[in-house]
Amino acid sequence: MKNNLKVARVQVDLTQQQLAEKVGVTRQTISLIEKGKYNPTLRLCLNICYAVNKTLDEIFWLNKEGQDK
């Protein structure tokens, strides 16, 4: 799943490890989400959004053209 997590995380100056600790997952999980290789639950998506001060749309929204993956 494509997303803008890495950009949002860097904007708030968090490492993958720091974000992982804030949302209660492993660093590897954050890495996989950023690479689009793991689809997080809605709860985890929301927790990530709160941690980086972004909306679901800003991080996880896919345009219709981007739904082929």
N, C-alpha and C. Protein backbone atom coordinates (compact mmCIF):
# COMPACT_ATOMS: atom_id res chain seq x y z
N MET A 1 0.85 -1.18 0.00
CA MET A 1 0.00 0.00 0.00
C MET A 1 0.89 1.24 0.00
N LYS A 2 0.71 2.07 -1.01
CA LYS A 2 1.47 3.31 -1.06
C LYS A 2 0.99 4.26 0.02
N ASN A 3 1.93 5.05 0.55
CA ASN A 3 1.58 6.02 1.59
C ASN A 3 2.67 7.08 1.69
N ASN A 4 2.42 8.08 2.49
CA ASN A 4 3.36 9.18 2.70
C ASN A 4 3.93 9.17 4.11
N LEU A 5 4.02 8.02 4.71
CA LEU A 5 4.45 7.94 6.10
C LEU A 5 5.88 8.43 6.29
N LYS A 6 6.79 8.02 5.44
CA LYS A 6 8.19 8.41 5.64
C LYS A 6 8.33 9.94 5.61
N VAL A 7 7.69 10.58 4.65
CA VAL A 7 7.76 12.05 4.55
C VAL A 7 7.21 12.69 5.83
N ALA A 8 6.06 12.21 6.29
CA ALA A 8 5.44 12.77 7.49
C ALA A 8 6.32 12.55 8.72
N ARG A 9 6.92 11.37 8.81
CA ARG A 9 7.79 11.05 9.95
C ARG A 9 9.01 11.95 9.98
N VAL A 10 9.64 12.14 8.83
CA VAL A 10 10.83 12.98 8.75
C VAL A 10 10.48 14.44 9.06
N GLN A 11 9.31 14.89 8.63
CA GLN A 11 8.89 16.27 8.89
C GLN A 11 8.80 16.59 10.38
N VAL A 12 8.45 15.59 11.19
CA VAL A 12 8.37 15.81 12.64
C VAL A 12 9.62 15.32 13.36
N ASP A 13 10.66 15.01 12.57
CA ASP A 13 11.97 14.65 13.11
C ASP A 13 11.93 13.44 14.03
N LEU A 14 11.26 12.38 13.57
CA LEU A 14 11.22 11.13 14.31
C LEU A 14 11.95 10.05 13.52
N THR A 15 12.68 9.20 14.23
CA THR A 15 13.25 8.01 13.59
C THR A 15 12.16 6.95 13.53
N GLN A 16 12.41 5.91 12.75
CA GLN A 16 11.46 4.79 12.73
C GLN A 16 11.28 4.22 14.13
N GLN A 17 12.38 4.10 14.86
CA GLN A 17 12.31 3.54 16.22
C GLN A 17 11.47 4.41 17.13
N GLN A 18 11.66 5.72 17.07
CA GLN A 18 10.89 6.63 17.92
C GLN A 18 9.40 6.56 17.60
N LEU A 19 9.06 6.54 16.33
CA LEU A 19 7.66 6.44 15.94
C LEU A 19 7.08 5.10 16.39
N ALA A 20 7.84 4.05 16.21
CA ALA A 20 7.39 2.72 16.63
C ALA A 20 7.06 2.70 18.12
N GLU A 21 7.92 3.29 18.92
CA GLU A 21 7.70 3.32 20.37
C GLU A 21 6.44 4.14 20.71
N LYS A 22 6.23 5.23 19.99
CA LYS A 22 5.04 6.06 20.25
C LYS A 22 3.74 5.32 19.96
N VAL A 23 3.75 4.46 18.93
CA VAL A 23 2.51 3.80 18.52
C VAL A 23 2.42 2.34 18.96
N GLY A 24 3.47 1.84 19.63
CA GLY A 24 3.41 0.50 20.20
C GLY A 24 3.63 -0.64 19.24
N VAL A 25 4.51 -0.43 18.24
CA VAL A 25 4.87 -1.50 17.32
C VAL A 25 6.39 -1.56 17.23
N THR A 26 6.91 -2.47 16.42
CA THR A 26 8.35 -2.57 16.24
C THR A 26 8.81 -1.62 15.14
N ARG A 27 10.10 -1.33 15.14
CA ARG A 27 10.69 -0.52 14.08
C ARG A 27 10.50 -1.18 12.73
N GLN A 28 10.59 -2.51 12.72
CA GLN A 28 10.43 -3.26 11.48
C GLN A 28 9.03 -3.05 10.89
N THR A 29 8.02 -2.97 11.75
CA THR A 29 6.66 -2.73 11.28
C THR A 29 6.56 -1.37 10.60
N ILE A 30 7.16 -0.35 11.20
CA ILE A 30 7.15 0.98 10.60
C ILE A 30 7.86 0.94 9.25
N SER A 31 8.98 0.26 9.18
CA SER A 31 9.72 0.13 7.93
C SER A 31 8.88 -0.52 6.85
N LEU A 32 8.20 -1.60 7.20
CA LEU A 32 7.36 -2.30 6.22
C LEU A 32 6.19 -1.44 5.76
N ILE A 33 5.61 -0.67 6.67
CA ILE A 33 4.51 0.23 6.29
C ILE A 33 5.04 1.27 5.31
N GLU A 34 6.19 1.86 5.61
CA GLU A 34 6.77 2.88 4.74
C GLU A 34 7.07 2.33 3.35
N LYS A 35 7.48 1.07 3.28
CA LYS A 35 7.79 0.45 1.99
C LYS A 35 6.54 -0.04 1.25
N GLY A 36 5.39 0.03 1.93
CA GLY A 36 4.15 -0.43 1.30
C GLY A 36 4.00 -1.94 1.31
N LYS A 37 4.73 -2.61 2.20
CA LYS A 37 4.69 -4.07 2.25
C LYS A 37 3.85 -4.60 3.40
N TYR A 38 3.23 -3.70 4.15
CA TYR A 38 2.40 -4.11 5.28
C TYR A 38 1.22 -3.16 5.36
N ASN A 39 0.02 -3.70 5.41
CA ASN A 39 -1.18 -2.89 5.55
C ASN A 39 -1.58 -2.82 7.02
N PRO A 40 -1.39 -1.67 7.64
CA PRO A 40 -1.72 -1.54 9.07
C PRO A 40 -3.22 -1.53 9.31
N THR A 41 -3.60 -1.87 10.52
CA THR A 41 -5.00 -1.78 10.91
C THR A 41 -5.41 -0.31 10.95
N LEU A 42 -6.71 -0.07 10.95
CA LEU A 42 -7.20 1.30 11.04
C LEU A 42 -6.74 1.94 12.35
N ARG A 43 -6.76 1.19 13.42
CA ARG A 43 -6.31 1.72 14.71
C ARG A 43 -4.85 2.16 14.65
N LEU A 44 -4.00 1.32 14.05
CA LEU A 44 -2.59 1.68 13.92
C LEU A 44 -2.43 2.90 13.01
N CYS A 45 -3.18 2.95 11.93
CA CYS A 45 -3.14 4.13 11.04
C CYS A 45 -3.47 5.39 11.82
N LEU A 46 -4.51 5.34 12.63
CA LEU A 46 -4.91 6.51 13.41
C LEU A 46 -3.83 6.88 14.42
N ASN A 47 -3.26 5.90 15.10
CA ASN A 47 -2.20 6.18 16.07
C ASN A 47 -0.99 6.82 15.40
N ILE A 48 -0.66 6.35 14.22
CA ILE A 48 0.45 6.94 13.46
C ILE A 48 0.11 8.38 13.11
N CYS A 49 -1.11 8.62 12.64
CA CYS A 49 -1.52 9.97 12.28
C CYS A 49 -1.42 10.92 13.47
N TYR A 50 -1.88 10.48 14.62
CA TYR A 50 -1.79 11.31 15.82
C TYR A 50 -0.33 11.60 16.15
N ALA A 51 0.54 10.61 16.01
CA ALA A 51 1.95 10.77 16.38
C ALA A 51 2.68 11.75 15.47
N VAL A 52 2.27 11.83 14.20
CA VAL A 52 2.96 12.73 13.27
C VAL A 52 2.13 13.97 12.93
N ASN A 53 1.00 14.12 13.63
CA ASN A 53 0.14 15.29 13.48
C ASN A 53 -0.35 15.49 12.05
N LYS A 54 -0.82 14.39 11.45
CA LYS A 54 -1.37 14.42 10.09
C LYS A 54 -2.71 13.71 10.08
N THR A 55 -3.47 13.91 9.01
CA THR A 55 -4.76 13.21 8.88
C THR A 55 -4.55 11.90 8.13
N LEU A 56 -5.55 11.04 8.21
CA LEU A 56 -5.51 9.79 7.44
C LEU A 56 -5.34 10.08 5.96
N ASP A 57 -6.07 11.07 5.46
CA ASP A 57 -5.97 11.43 4.05
C ASP A 57 -4.56 11.82 3.66
N GLU A 58 -3.90 12.58 4.50
CA GLU A 58 -2.56 13.06 4.17
C GLU A 58 -1.53 11.94 4.09
N ILE A 59 -1.71 10.90 4.87
CA ILE A 59 -0.72 9.83 4.90
C ILE A 59 -1.13 8.61 4.08
N PHE A 60 -2.38 8.19 4.20
CA PHE A 60 -2.77 6.91 3.64
C PHE A 60 -3.73 6.97 2.45
N TRP A 61 -4.20 8.15 2.06
CA TRP A 61 -5.18 8.22 0.98
C TRP A 61 -4.57 7.84 -0.34
N LEU A 62 -5.27 7.01 -1.12
CA LEU A 62 -4.85 6.64 -2.46
C LEU A 62 -5.80 7.25 -3.47
N ASN A 63 -5.25 7.87 -4.50
CA ASN A 63 -6.10 8.31 -5.59
C ASN A 63 -6.57 7.10 -6.37
N LYS A 64 -7.65 7.24 -7.07
CA LYS A 64 -8.20 6.11 -7.81
C LYS A 64 -7.17 5.47 -8.72
N GLU A 65 -6.30 6.28 -9.37
CA GLU A 65 -5.29 5.75 -10.25
C GLU A 65 -4.25 4.92 -9.50
N GLY A 66 -4.05 5.21 -8.21
CA GLY A 66 -3.02 4.53 -7.43
C GLY A 66 -3.47 3.25 -6.78
N GLN A 67 -4.67 2.80 -7.08
CA GLN A 67 -5.21 1.61 -6.40
C GLN A 67 -4.85 0.30 -7.08
N ASP A 68 -4.04 0.34 -8.13
CA ASP A 68 -3.72 -0.88 -8.85
C ASP A 68 -2.69 -1.75 -8.12
N LYS A 69 -2.09 -1.25 -7.06
CA LYS A 69 -1.09 -2.05 -6.33
C LYS A 69 -1.61 -2.50 -5.00
